[in-house]
C-alpha atoms as a PDB file:
ATOM      1  CA  MET A   1      83.568  21.124 -56.081  1.00  0.00           C
ATOM      2  CA  GLY A   2      87.058  20.273 -57.384  1.00  0.00           C
ATOM      3  CA  ARG A   3      88.208  16.891 -58.413  1.00  0.00           C
ATOM      4  CA  GLY A   4      90.723  16.739 -55.600  1.00  0.00           C
ATOM      5  CA  ALA A   5      88.110  17.275 -52.911  1.00  0.00           C
ATOM      6  CA  ARG A   6      85.803  14.652 -54.425  1.00  0.00           C
ATOM      7  CA  ALA A   7      88.585  12.105 -54.548  1.00  0.00           C
ATOM      8  CA  ALA A   8      89.440  12.729 -50.937  1.00  0.00           C
ATOM      9  CA  ARG A   9      85.745  12.210 -49.945  1.00  0.00           C
ATOM     10  CA  LEU A  10      85.547   8.897 -51.766  1.00  0.00           C
ATOM     11  CA  ALA A  11      88.773   7.747 -50.169  1.00  0.00           C
ATOM     12  CA  ARG A  12      87.247   8.247 -46.696  1.00  0.00           C
ATOM     13  CA  ARG A  13      84.192   6.109 -47.556  1.00  0.00           C
ATOM     14  CA  GLY A  14      86.302   3.142 -48.471  1.00  0.00           C
ATOM     15  CA  PRO A  15      87.148   1.325 -51.636  1.00  0.00           C
ATOM     16  CA  HIS A  16      84.341   0.884 -54.119  1.00  0.00           C
ATOM     17  CA  PRO A  17      84.281  -0.303 -57.648  1.00  0.00           C
ATOM     18  CA  ALA A  18      84.871   2.362 -60.126  1.00  0.00           C
ATOM     19  CA  GLY A  19      81.772   4.113 -61.295  1.00  0.00           C
ATOM     20  CA  THR A  20      79.536   3.010 -58.348  1.00  0.00           C
ATOM     21  CA  LEU A  21      78.205   4.960 -55.394  1.00  0.00           C
ATOM     22  CA  ALA A  22      78.742   3.885 -51.841  1.00  0.00           C
ATOM     23  CA  ARG A  23      75.615   2.517 -49.983  1.00  0.00           C
ATOM     24  CA  PRO A  24      75.373   2.181 -46.228  1.00  0.00           C
ATOM     25  CA  ARG A  25      75.268  -1.419 -45.005  1.00  0.00           C
ATOM     26  CA  VAL A  26      72.432  -2.367 -42.716  1.00  0.00           C
ATOM     27  CA  GLY A  27      73.439  -5.117 -40.404  1.00  0.00           C
ATOM     28  CA  ALA A  28      71.174  -7.725 -38.877  1.00  0.00           C
ATOM     29  CA  ILE A  29      68.759  -6.411 -36.260  1.00  0.00           C
ATOM     30  CA  PRO A  30      70.124  -7.437 -32.917  1.00  0.00           C
ATOM     31  CA  ARG A  31      67.561  -9.381 -30.801  1.00  0.00           C
ATOM     32  CA  GLY A  32      67.882  -9.280 -27.103  1.00  0.00           C
ATOM     33  CA  ARG A  33      66.524 -11.698 -24.541  1.00  0.00           C
ATOM     34  CA  ARG A  34      62.779 -11.561 -23.692  1.00  0.00           C
ATOM     35  CA  GLY A  35      62.177  -8.954 -21.131  1.00  0.00           C
ATOM     36  CA  ALA A  36      65.665  -7.327 -21.481  1.00  0.00           C
ATOM     37  CA  PRO A  37      66.098  -4.225 -23.655  1.00  0.00           C
ATOM     38  CA  ALA A  38      68.626  -4.538 -26.465  1.00  0.00           C
ATOM     39  CA  ALA A  39      71.592  -2.222 -26.637  1.00  0.00           C
ATOM     40  CA  ALA A  40      70.771   0.962 -28.418  1.00  0.00           C
ATOM     41  CA  THR A  41      72.500   1.360 -31.756  1.00  0.00           C
ATOM     42  CA  THR A  42      74.017   4.472 -33.108  1.00  0.00           C
ATOM     43  CA  GLY A  43      71.702   6.914 -34.722  1.00  0.00           C
ATOM     44  CA  GLY A  44      68.540   5.757 -32.742  1.00  0.00           C
ATOM     45  CA  ALA A  45      67.542   3.150 -35.375  1.00  0.00           C
ATOM     46  CA  ILE A  46      66.334   0.593 -32.808  1.00  0.00           C
ATOM     47  CA  VAL A  47      63.368   0.778 -30.360  1.00  0.00           C
ATOM     48  CA  ASN A  48      62.257  -1.756 -27.774  1.00  0.00           C
ATOM     49  CA  CYS A  49      58.765  -3.302 -27.278  1.00  0.00           C
ATOM     50  CA  ARG A  50      57.171  -1.984 -24.096  1.00  0.00           C
ATOM     51  CA  HIS A  51      55.694  -5.412 -23.310  1.00  0.00           C
ATOM     52  CA  CYS A  52      58.425  -7.987 -24.060  1.00  0.00           C
ATOM     53  CA  GLY A  53      61.496  -5.762 -24.678  1.00  0.00           C
ATOM     54  CA  THR A  54      62.235  -7.083 -28.192  1.00  0.00           C
ATOM     55  CA  ALA A  55      64.327  -4.708 -30.333  1.00  0.00           C
ATOM     56  CA  LEU A  56      62.284  -3.300 -33.210  1.00  0.00           C
ATOM     57  CA  PRO A  57      63.184  -1.031 -36.150  1.00  0.00           C
ATOM     58  CA  VAL A  58      62.057   2.553 -36.118  1.00  0.00           C
ATOM     59  CA  GLY A  59      58.536   2.922 -37.571  1.00  0.00           C
ATOM     60  CA  ALA A  60      57.358  -0.593 -36.662  1.00  0.00           C
ATOM     61  CA  LEU A  61      53.643  -0.745 -35.811  1.00  0.00           C
ATOM     62  CA  PHE A  62      53.510  -4.176 -34.125  1.00  0.00           C
ATOM     63  CA  CYS A  63      56.008  -6.258 -32.149  1.00  0.00           C
ATOM     64  CA  VAL A  64      57.325  -9.278 -34.137  1.00  0.00           C
ATOM     65  CA  GLU A  65      57.590 -11.288 -30.905  1.00  0.00           C
ATOM     66  CA  CYS A  66      54.346 -10.710 -28.954  1.00  0.00           C
ATOM     67  CA  GLY A  67      52.183  -8.901 -31.530  1.00  0.00           C
ATOM     68  CA  ARG A  68      51.472  -5.932 -29.308  1.00  0.00           C
ATOM     69  CA  SER A  69      50.998  -2.527 -30.896  1.00  0.00           C
ATOM     70  CA  VAL A  70      54.119  -0.396 -30.619  1.00  0.00           C
ATOM     71  CA  ALA A  71      52.110   2.826 -30.865  1.00  0.00           C
ATOM     72  CA  GLU A  72      50.215   2.097 -27.615  1.00  0.00           C
ATOM     73  CA  ARG A  73      50.813   4.577 -24.902  1.00  0.00           C
ATOM     74  CA  GLU A  74      49.692   4.333 -21.420  1.00  0.00           C
ATOM     75  CA  LEU A  75      46.946   6.779 -20.662  1.00  0.00           C
ATOM     76  CA  PRO A  76      47.792   9.168 -17.912  1.00  0.00           C
ATOM     77  CA  THR A  77      46.101   8.265 -14.677  1.00  0.00           C
ATOM     78  CA  PRO A  78      43.766  11.099 -13.628  1.00  0.00           C
ATOM     79  CA  SER A  79      44.865  12.612 -10.440  1.00  0.00           C
ATOM     80  CA  ALA A  80      42.380  12.483  -7.599  1.00  0.00           C
ATOM     81  CA  PRO A  81      40.840  15.822  -6.658  1.00  0.00           C
ATOM     82  CA  ARG A  82      42.334  17.413  -3.702  1.00  0.00           C
ATOM     83  CA  VAL A  83      40.124  17.177  -0.649  1.00  0.00           C
ATOM     84  CA  GLU A  84      40.678  19.653   2.050  1.00  0.00           C
ATOM     85  CA  ALA A  85      40.656  18.345   5.562  1.00  0.00           C
ATOM     86  CA  PRO A  86      37.616  19.473   7.606  1.00  0.00           C
ATOM     87  CA  ALA A  87      38.154  22.129  10.150  1.00  0.00           C
ATOM     88  CA  PRO A  88      38.580  20.721  13.620  1.00  0.00           C
ATOM     89  CA  VAL A  89      35.416  20.858  15.736  1.00  0.00           C
ATOM     90  CA  PRO A  90      35.946  22.183  19.208  1.00  0.00           C
ATOM     91  CA  PRO A  91      35.002  19.571  21.786  1.00  0.00           C
ATOM     92  CA  HIS A  92      31.750  20.047  23.694  1.00  0.00           C
ATOM     93  CA  PRO A  93      32.146  21.082  27.229  1.00  0.00           C
ATOM     94  CA  VAL A  94      31.776  18.048  29.430  1.00  0.00           C
ATOM     95  CA  ALA A  95      29.281  18.605  32.174  1.00  0.00           C
ATOM     96  CA  ALA A  96      30.151  17.525  35.626  1.00  0.00           C
ATOM     97  CA  THR A  97      29.010  13.971  36.323  1.00  0.00           C
ATOM     98  CA  LEU A  98      26.184  13.746  38.862  1.00  0.00           C
ATOM     99  CA  HIS A  99      25.673  10.796  41.144  1.00  0.00           C
ATOM    100  CA  CYS A 100      22.725   9.542  43.124  1.00  0.00           C
ATOM    101  CA  PRO A 101      23.233  10.496  46.794  1.00  0.00           C
ATOM    102  CA  GLN A 102      21.764   7.150  47.883  1.00  0.00           C
ATOM    103  CA  CYS A 103      23.383   4.496  45.627  1.00  0.00           C
ATOM    104  CA  GLY A 104      26.067   6.494  43.776  1.00  0.00           C
ATOM    105  CA  GLN A 105      24.691   5.653  40.289  1.00  0.00           C
ATOM    106  CA  ALA A 106      25.601   8.173  37.571  1.00  0.00           C
ATOM    107  CA  VAL A 107      22.555  10.245  36.652  1.00  0.00           C
ATOM    108  CA  GLU A 108      21.798  13.155  34.336  1.00  0.00           C
ATOM    109  CA  ALA A 109      20.817  16.633  35.364  1.00  0.00           C
ATOM    110  CA  VAL A 110      17.292  16.233  33.891  1.00  0.00           C
ATOM    111  CA  ASP A 111      16.526  13.006  35.776  1.00  0.00           C
ATOM    112  CA  ILE A 112      13.880  13.244  38.475  1.00  0.00           C
ATOM    113  CA  PHE A 113      14.332   9.699  39.795  1.00  0.00           C
ATOM    114  CA  CYS A 114      17.431   7.555  40.045  1.00  0.00           C
ATOM    115  CA  PRO A 115      17.229   4.807  37.362  1.00  0.00           C
ATOM    116  CA  GLU A 116      18.925   2.340  39.719  1.00  0.00           C
ATOM    117  CA  CYS A 117      17.284   2.710  43.129  1.00  0.00           C
ATOM    118  CA  GLY A 118      14.371   5.084  42.379  1.00  0.00           C
ATOM    119  CA  PHE A 119      15.566   7.783  44.759  1.00  0.00           C
ATOM    120  CA  VAL A 120      13.822  11.120  44.206  1.00  0.00           C
ATOM    121  CA  LEU A 121      16.496  13.488  42.871  1.00  0.00           C
ATOM    122  CA  CYS A 122      14.275  16.559  42.342  1.00  0.00           C
ATOM    123  CA  PRO A 123      11.443  16.545  44.883  1.00  0.00           C
ATOM    124  CA  ILE A 124       8.277  18.331  43.860  1.00  0.00           C
ATOM    125  CA  THR A 125       7.840  21.470  45.863  1.00  0.00           C
ATOM    126  CA  GLY A 126       4.491  22.488  47.231  1.00  0.00           C
ATOM    127  CA  THR A 127       2.176  24.634  45.128  1.00  0.00           C
ATOM    128  CA  ASP A 128       2.031  28.278  46.033  1.00  0.00           C
ATOM    129  CA  THR A 129      -1.600  29.018  46.778  1.00  0.00           C
ATOM    130  CA  SER A 130      -1.088  32.551  47.961  1.00  0.00           C
ATOM    131  CA  ALA A 131      -2.096  33.989  44.570  1.00  0.00           C
ATOM    132  CA  ILE A 132      -5.485  32.223  44.514  1.00  0.00           C
ATOM    133  CA  ALA A 133      -8.260  34.683  45.251  1.00  0.00           C
ATOM    134  CA  VAL A 134     -10.736  33.659  47.901  1.00  0.00           C
ATOM    135  CA  VAL A 135     -14.353  34.095  46.801  1.00  0.00           C
ATOM    136  CA  PRO A 136     -16.493  35.286  49.688  1.00  0.00           C
ATOM    137  CA  ALA A 137     -19.612  33.293  50.468  1.00  0.00           C
ATOM    138  CA  PRO A 138     -22.891  34.957  49.468  1.00  0.00           C
ATOM    139  CA  GLU A 139     -24.737  36.707  52.219  1.00  0.00           C
ATOM    140  CA  PRO A 140     -27.990  35.092  53.323  1.00  0.00           C
ATOM    141  CA  MET A 141     -31.124  36.780  52.026  1.00  0.00           C
ATOM    142  CA  ASP A 142     -33.780  38.122  54.318  1.00  0.00           C
ATOM    143  CA  SER A 143     -36.960  36.125  54.507  1.00  0.00           C
ATOM    144  CA  GLY A 144     -38.939  39.177  53.472  1.00  0.00           C
ATOM    145  CA  ASP A 145     -37.042  39.537  50.183  1.00  0.00           C
ATOM    146  CA  GLU A 146     -37.697  35.982  48.964  1.00  0.00           C
ATOM    147  CA  PRO A 147     -40.130  35.930  45.998  1.00  0.00           C
ATOM    148  CA  ASP A 148     -43.264  33.872  46.174  1.00  0.00           C
ATOM    149  CA  VAL A 149     -42.810  30.631  44.233  1.00  0.00           C
ATOM    150  CA  GLU A 150     -45.870  28.687  43.206  1.00  0.00           C
ATOM    151  CA  GLU A 151     -45.392  24.995  43.752  1.00  0.00           C
ATOM    152  CA  LEU A 152     -46.483  22.805  40.832  1.00  0.00           C
ATOM    153  CA  PRO A 153     -47.893  19.350  41.384  1.00  0.00           C
ATOM    154  CA  ALA A 154     -45.507  16.512  40.665  1.00  0.00           C
ATOM    155  CA  VAL A 155     -46.340  14.558  37.528  1.00  0.00           C
ATOM    156  CA  ASP A 156     -45.425  10.906  37.217  1.00  0.00           C
ATOM    157  CA  PHE A 157     -44.912  10.295  33.495  1.00  0.00           C
ATOM    158  CA  LEU A 158     -44.387   6.558  34.031  1.00  0.00           C
ATOM    159  CA  ALA A 159     -47.676   6.040  35.835  1.00  0.00           C
ATOM    160  CA  GLN A 160     -50.157   3.724  34.123  1.00  0.00           C
ATOM    161  CA  PRO A 161     -53.347   5.323  32.781  1.00  0.00           C
ATOM    162  CA  ARG A 162     -56.402   4.879  34.939  1.00  0.00           C
ATOM    163  CA  LEU A 163     -59.204   2.614  33.791  1.00  0.00           C
ATOM    164  CA  GLU A 164     -61.673   5.468  33.836  1.00  0.00           C
ATOM    165  CA  ASP A 165     -59.735   7.152  31.010  1.00  0.00           C
ATOM    166  CA  ILE A 166     -60.579   4.244  28.716  1.00  0.00           C
ATOM    167  CA  GLU A 167     -64.222   4.403  29.684  1.00  0.00           C
ATOM    168  CA  GLU A 168     -64.312   8.106  28.854  1.00  0.00           C
ATOM    169  CA  THR A 169     -63.017   7.566  25.284  1.00  0.00           C
ATOM    170  CA  ARG A 170     -65.517   8.850  22.744  1.00  0.00           C
ATOM    171  CA  ILE A 171     -67.106   6.052  20.747  1.00  0.00           C
ATOM    172  CA  VAL A 172     -67.717   6.703  17.065  1.00  0.00           C
ATOM    173  CA  ALA A 173     -71.225   5.968  15.884  1.00  0.00           C
ATOM    174  CA  ALA A 174     -71.462   2.795  13.825  1.00  0.00           C
ATOM    175  CA  ARG A 175     -72.086   3.111  10.117  1.00  0.00           C
ATOM    176  CA  PRO A 176     -75.626   2.329   9.049  1.00  0.00           C
ATOM    177  CA  ALA A 177     -76.071  -1.160   7.687  1.00  0.00           C
ATOM    178  CA  ALA A 178     -75.858  -1.192   3.885  1.00  0.00           C
ATOM    179  CA  GLU A 179     -78.276  -2.992   1.631  1.00  0.00           C
ATOM    180  CA  ARG A 180     -77.329  -6.389   0.266  1.00  0.00           C
ATOM    181  CA  TYR A 181     -77.220  -6.758  -3.517  1.00  0.00           C
ATOM    182  CA  VAL A 182     -76.458  -9.897  -5.518  1.00  0.00           C
ATOM    183  CA  LEU A 183     -74.635  -9.635  -8.842  1.00  0.00           C
ATOM    184  CA  GLN A 184     -75.295 -12.670 -11.095  1.00  0.00           C
ATOM    185  CA  PHE A 185     -72.822 -12.760 -13.990  1.00  0.00           C
ATOM    186  CA  SER A 186     -73.255 -14.456 -17.358  1.00  0.00           C
ATOM    187  CA  THR A 187     -69.999 -16.328 -16.740  1.00  0.00           C
ATOM    188  CA  GLY A 188     -71.615 -18.196 -13.825  1.00  0.00           C
ATOM    189  CA  GLU A 189     -70.280 -16.166 -10.866  1.00  0.00           C
ATOM    190  CA  SER A 190     -72.662 -14.812  -8.226  1.00  0.00           C
ATOM    191  CA  VAL A 191     -71.333 -12.187  -5.788  1.00  0.00           C
ATOM    192  CA  VAL A 192     -73.045 -10.533  -2.788  1.00  0.00           C
ATOM    193  CA  VAL A 193     -71.955  -6.908  -2.244  1.00  0.00           C
ATOM    194  CA  THR A 194     -72.807  -4.460   0.541  1.00  0.00           C
ATOM    195  CA  GLY A 195     -70.491  -1.502  -0.102  1.00  0.00           C
ATOM    196  CA  SER A 196     -68.389  -0.013  -2.876  1.00  0.00           C
ATOM    197  CA  GLY A 197     -66.237  -1.932  -5.338  1.00  0.00           C
ATOM    198  CA  LEU A 198     -64.866  -2.477  -8.834  1.00  0.00           C
ATOM    199  CA  VAL A 199     -65.833  -5.010 -11.515  1.00  0.00           C
ATOM    200  CA  GLY A 200     -63.494  -6.131 -14.303  1.00  0.00           C
ATOM    201  CA  ARG A 201     -61.072  -8.737 -15.636  1.00  0.00           C
ATOM    202  CA  ASN A 202     -58.406  -7.727 -13.097  1.00  0.00           C
ATOM    203  CA  PRO A 203     -59.730  -4.757 -11.114  1.00  0.00           C
ATOM    204  CA  SER A 204     -57.411  -2.572  -9.017  1.00  0.00           C
ATOM    205  CA  ALA A 205     -57.968   0.687  -7.152  1.00  0.00           C
ATOM    206  CA  GLU A 206     -56.129   3.875  -8.086  1.00  0.00           C
ATOM    207  CA  PRO A 207     -53.451   5.301  -5.730  1.00  0.00           C
ATOM    208  CA  GLY A 208     -55.242   6.811  -2.718  1.00  0.00           C
ATOM    209  CA  GLU A 209     -58.561   5.164  -3.614  1.00  0.00           C
ATOM    210  CA  PHE A 210     -60.300   2.751  -1.219  1.00  0.00           C
ATOM    211  CA  VAL A 211     -63.060   0.292  -2.113  1.00  0.00           C
ATOM    212  CA  ASP A 212     -64.741  -2.559  -0.238  1.00  0.00           C
ATOM    213  CA  GLU A 213     -64.938  -5.169  -3.010  1.00  0.00           C
ATOM    214  CA  LEU A 214     -62.867  -6.177  -6.056  1.00  0.00           C
ATOM    215  CA  VAL A 215     -64.994  -8.424  -8.274  1.00  0.00           C
ATOM    216  CA  ALA A 216     -63.015 -10.212 -10.994  1.00  0.00           C
ATOM    217  CA  ILE A 217     -64.856 -12.093 -13.755  1.00  0.00           C
ATOM    218  CA  PHE A 218     -63.518 -14.641 -16.234  1.00  0.00           C
ATOM    219  CA  ASP A 219     -63.677 -13.375 -19.847  1.00  0.00           C
ATOM    220  CA  VAL A 220     -61.932 -15.485 -22.503  1.00  0.00           C
ATOM    221  CA  GLY A 221     -62.441 -12.924 -25.277  1.00  0.00           C
ATOM    222  CA  LYS A 222     -61.067 -10.075 -23.123  1.00  0.00           C
ATOM    223  CA  SER A 223     -63.959  -7.814 -24.083  1.00  0.00           C
ATOM    224  CA  VAL A 224     -64.210  -6.659 -20.456  1.00  0.00           C
ATOM    225  CA  SER A 225     -61.646  -4.069 -19.327  1.00  0.00           C
ATOM    226  CA  LYS A 226     -59.444  -4.688 -16.293  1.00  0.00           C
ATOM    227  CA  SER A 227     -61.437  -2.122 -14.250  1.00  0.00           C
ATOM    228  CA  HIS A 228     -64.634  -1.854 -16.262  1.00  0.00           C
ATOM    229  CA  ILE A 229     -67.188  -0.311 -13.854  1.00  0.00           C
ATOM    230  CA  GLU A 230     -67.376   1.057 -10.324  1.00  0.00           C
ATOM    231  CA  PHE A 231     -70.349   0.465  -8.029  1.00  0.00           C
ATOM    232  CA  GLY A 232     -71.574   1.702  -4.651  1.00  0.00           C
ATOM    233  CA  GLN A 233     -74.612   2.714  -2.614  1.00  0.00           C
ATOM    234  CA  GLU A 234     -76.204   6.075  -1.918  1.00  0.00           C
ATOM    235  CA  SER A 235     -78.964   6.111   0.734  1.00  0.00           C
ATOM    236  CA  GLY A 236     -79.468   2.382   0.173  1.00  0.00           C
ATOM    237  CA  ARG A 237     -79.764   2.685  -3.606  1.00  0.00           C
ATOM    238  CA  PHE A 238     -77.306   0.845  -5.885  1.00  0.00           C
ATOM    239  CA  TRP A 239     -75.423   2.824  -8.519  1.00  0.00           C
ATOM    240  CA  ILE A 240     -72.758   2.081 -11.175  1.00  0.00           C
ATOM    241  CA  SER A 241     -70.271   4.255 -13.112  1.00  0.00           C
ATOM    242  CA  ASP A 242     -68.280   3.362 -16.226  1.00  0.00           C
ATOM    243  CA  ARG A 243     -64.468   3.604 -15.621  1.00  0.00           C
ATOM    244  CA  TYR A 244     -63.644   4.730 -19.173  1.00  0.00           C
ATOM    245  CA  SER A 245     -63.757   1.161 -20.431  1.00  0.00           C
ATOM    246  CA  THR A 246     -62.858   0.200 -23.999  1.00  0.00           C
ATOM    247  CA  ASN A 247     -66.211  -1.339 -25.036  1.00  0.00           C
ATOM    248  CA  GLY A 248     -68.437   0.769 -22.768  1.00  0.00           C
ATOM    249  CA  THR A 249     -71.371  -0.134 -20.489  1.00  0.00           C
ATOM    250  CA  ILE A 250     -75.096  -0.480 -21.353  1.00  0.00           C
ATOM    251  CA  VAL A 251     -77.886  -0.419 -18.709  1.00  0.00           C
ATOM    252  CA  ARG A 252     -81.222  -2.147 -19.460  1.00  0.00           C
ATOM    253  CA  GLN A 253     -83.782  -1.251 -16.734  1.00  0.00           C
ATOM    254  CA  PRO A 254     -87.044  -3.225 -16.515  1.00  0.00           C
ATOM    255  CA  ASP A 255     -89.724  -1.631 -18.728  1.00  0.00           C
ATOM    256  CA  ALA A 256     -87.216   1.007 -20.012  1.00  0.00           C
ATOM    257  CA  GLU A 257     -85.027   1.604 -23.012  1.00  0.00           C
ATOM    258  CA  ALA A 258     -81.338   0.661 -22.984  1.00  0.00           C
ATOM    259  CA  VAL A 259     -78.970   3.462 -21.977  1.00  0.00           C
ATOM    260  CA  ARG A 260     -75.237   3.636 -22.823  1.00  0.00           C
ATOM    261  CA  CYS A 261     -73.454   4.976 -19.748  1.00  0.00           C
ATOM    262  CA  GLU A 262     -71.348   8.086 -19.995  1.00  0.00           C
ATOM    263  CA  PRO A 263     -67.856   7.446 -18.458  1.00  0.00           C
ATOM    264  CA  GLY A 264     -67.484   8.927 -14.978  1.00  0.00           C
ATOM    265  CA  ARG A 265     -71.236   9.477 -14.422  1.00  0.00           C
ATOM    266  CA  ARG A 266     -73.249   7.568 -11.796  1.00  0.00           C
ATOM    267  CA  TYR A 267     -76.468   5.748 -12.752  1.00  0.00           C
ATOM    268  CA  ILE A 268     -79.026   4.475 -10.180  1.00  0.00           C
ATOM    269  CA  ILE A 269     -79.760   0.789 -10.788  1.00  0.00           C
ATOM    270  CA  ALA A 270     -83.003  -0.869  -9.672  1.00  0.00           C
ATOM    271  CA  ARG A 271     -83.241  -4.533  -8.778  1.00  0.00           C
ATOM    272  CA  GLY A 272     -83.720  -6.745 -11.833  1.00  0.00           C
ATOM    273  CA  THR A 273     -81.650  -4.457 -14.097  1.00  0.00           C
ATOM    274  CA  ARG A 274     -79.304  -6.020 -16.667  1.00  0.00           C
ATOM    275  CA  VAL A 275     -75.897  -4.343 -17.025  1.00  0.00           C
ATOM    276  CA  GLU A 276     -73.914  -5.240 -20.178  1.00  0.00           C
ATOM    277  CA  ILE A 277     -70.113  -4.916 -20.023  1.00  0.00           C
ATOM    278  CA  GLY A 278     -68.456  -5.833 -23.329  1.00  0.00           C
ATOM    279  CA  GLU A 279     -69.658  -9.306 -24.393  1.00  0.00           C
ATOM    280  CA  GLN A 280     -70.610 -10.211 -20.779  1.00  0.00           C
ATOM    281  CA  PHE A 281     -73.411  -8.980 -18.478  1.00  0.00           C
ATOM    282  CA  PHE A 282     -74.725  -9.289 -14.925  1.00  0.00           C
ATOM    283  CA  ILE A 283     -78.140  -8.884 -13.294  1.00  0.00           C
ATOM    284  CA  VAL A 284     -78.629  -6.903 -10.070  1.00  0.00           C
ATOM    285  CA  SER A 285     -81.028  -8.653  -7.671  1.00  0.00           C
END
């Protein structure tokens, strides 16, 4: 660039001290009234706050008046989806209005009675019985074809039995009278027996077993078993049998040696015999 052109350029910028470069002057930032936008300056160097309208320099992040962010932008409002209008529904055919012939009340076609006066709108017609088949009556049978029927005597189940039925009941023969035996125990008890029974500390019959007597004796040492021996009669003779007792049973007949009884075996006992059961005994008389 020539010196003449440079001098002409400097002359257009205005007078400056020699040897210095011209700098653009930045004037004071015009401030408009609150709420009114300031006049735009040349070159687009001024922007306005969206909230209060204060003029701000380009690149400002916050408003110096209200403190709002200049970079805020209103988010676009989402548009509502388009809803198509429903297709028009053809109107239902309107049935002709029916009226009661008696009171004139509006009724429906399915009504049988008038809801106002009770008039019968649809009378019930008679039933057609022409299709019902007629069953002919059976022909009477000849007297000669009737079978012979044997008549049975009438039985009255509620009738009371006659007294003669009770008299005809079979009477069972009475059992022969058993002999009487007295058992005198060493503990002081004395028991009269006439049938079968058990002797022990706390005798009890087995399931399904039946005895006439249960003779319990008092034994402090508990040498006698709960059901120690069994007794009974056979043709008037007294017998005993050991019931598998713990200490066993010994029979001492008069003028005979002592015999230890075998469990489950019967022994004929004469009067005056001493029977030892554990530490106790009794005499049969």
